[in-house]
Structure formats: structure tokens, C-alpha cells
Amino acid sequence: MASKISVSIPEDMLRKLDQAARQAHTSRSALLCQAV
């Protein structure tokens, strides 16, 4: 069963996440799922 979690992420960290996701050719959500 999948759960949804809501978190607050600072803007500067979002920019880094978006850059890492682009480099990995994936989405921000997919990148976060892999990290957890």
C-alpha cells in the first residue's frame, strides 16, 4: 500500500533537487522516492 507524505522543502533545496532530477532524467518525486 502506498502512502503520501507532505513535507516542506526550502526553495534552495528544491532548485538542487530539480537540477539532480534533470541530470538523472527523472522527476523530483521519483528522485525523492529513491532516496527514502
C-alpha atoms as a PDB file:
ATOM      1  CA  MET A   1       0.000   0.000   0.000  1.00  0.00           C
ATOM      2  CA  ALA A   2       1.429   3.384  -0.999  1.00  0.00           C
ATOM      3  CA  SER A   3       1.313   6.319   1.374  1.00  0.00           C
ATOM      4  CA  LYS A   4       1.525  10.013   0.631  1.00  0.00           C
ATOM      5  CA  ILE A   5       3.729  12.228   2.737  1.00  0.00           C
ATOM      6  CA  SER A   6       3.734  16.014   2.654  1.00  0.00           C
ATOM      7  CA  VAL A   7       6.941  17.854   3.533  1.00  0.00           C
ATOM      8  CA  SER A   8       8.146  21.435   3.343  1.00  0.00           C
ATOM      9  CA  ILE A   9      11.380  21.847   1.413  1.00  0.00           C
ATOM     10  CA  PRO A  10      13.313  25.140   1.290  1.00  0.00           C
ATOM     11  CA  GLU A  11      13.479  26.848  -2.121  1.00  0.00           C
ATOM     12  CA  ASP A  12      17.256  26.456  -2.458  1.00  0.00           C
ATOM     13  CA  MET A  13      16.974  22.721  -1.826  1.00  0.00           C
ATOM     14  CA  LEU A  14      14.156  22.450  -4.393  1.00  0.00           C
ATOM     15  CA  ARG A  15      16.433  24.003  -7.014  1.00  0.00           C
ATOM     16  CA  LYS A  16      19.139  21.429  -6.213  1.00  0.00           C
ATOM     17  CA  LEU A  17      16.577  18.602  -6.355  1.00  0.00           C
ATOM     18  CA  ASP A  18      15.285  19.811  -9.720  1.00  0.00           C
ATOM     19  CA  GLN A  19      18.835  20.010 -11.091  1.00  0.00           C
ATOM     20  CA  ALA A  20      19.651  16.487  -9.846  1.00  0.00           C
ATOM     21  CA  ALA A  21      16.391  15.149 -11.314  1.00  0.00           C
ATOM     22  CA  ARG A  22      17.178  16.702 -14.716  1.00  0.00           C
ATOM     23  CA  GLN A  23      20.663  15.181 -14.663  1.00  0.00           C
ATOM     24  CA  ALA A  24      19.192  11.758 -13.781  1.00  0.00           C
ATOM     25  CA  HIS A  25      16.454  12.164 -16.444  1.00  0.00           C
ATOM     26  CA  THR A  26      13.719  11.600 -13.855  1.00  0.00           C
ATOM     27  CA  SER A  27      11.191  13.601 -11.854  1.00  0.00           C
ATOM     28  CA  ARG A  28      11.675  15.283  -8.497  1.00  0.00           C
ATOM     29  CA  SER A  29       9.147  12.881  -6.959  1.00  0.00           C
ATOM     30  CA  ALA A  30      10.875   9.800  -8.373  1.00  0.00           C
ATOM     31  CA  LEU A  31      14.223  11.051  -7.109  1.00  0.00           C
ATOM     32  CA  LEU A  32      12.814  11.560  -3.602  1.00  0.00           C
ATOM     33  CA  CYS A  33      11.189   8.109  -3.645  1.00  0.00           C
ATOM     34  CA  GLN A  34      14.536   6.519  -4.467  1.00  0.00           C
ATOM     35  CA  ALA A  35      16.190   8.412  -1.618  1.00  0.00           C
ATOM     36  CA  VAL A  36      13.755   7.197   1.031  1.00  0.00           C
END
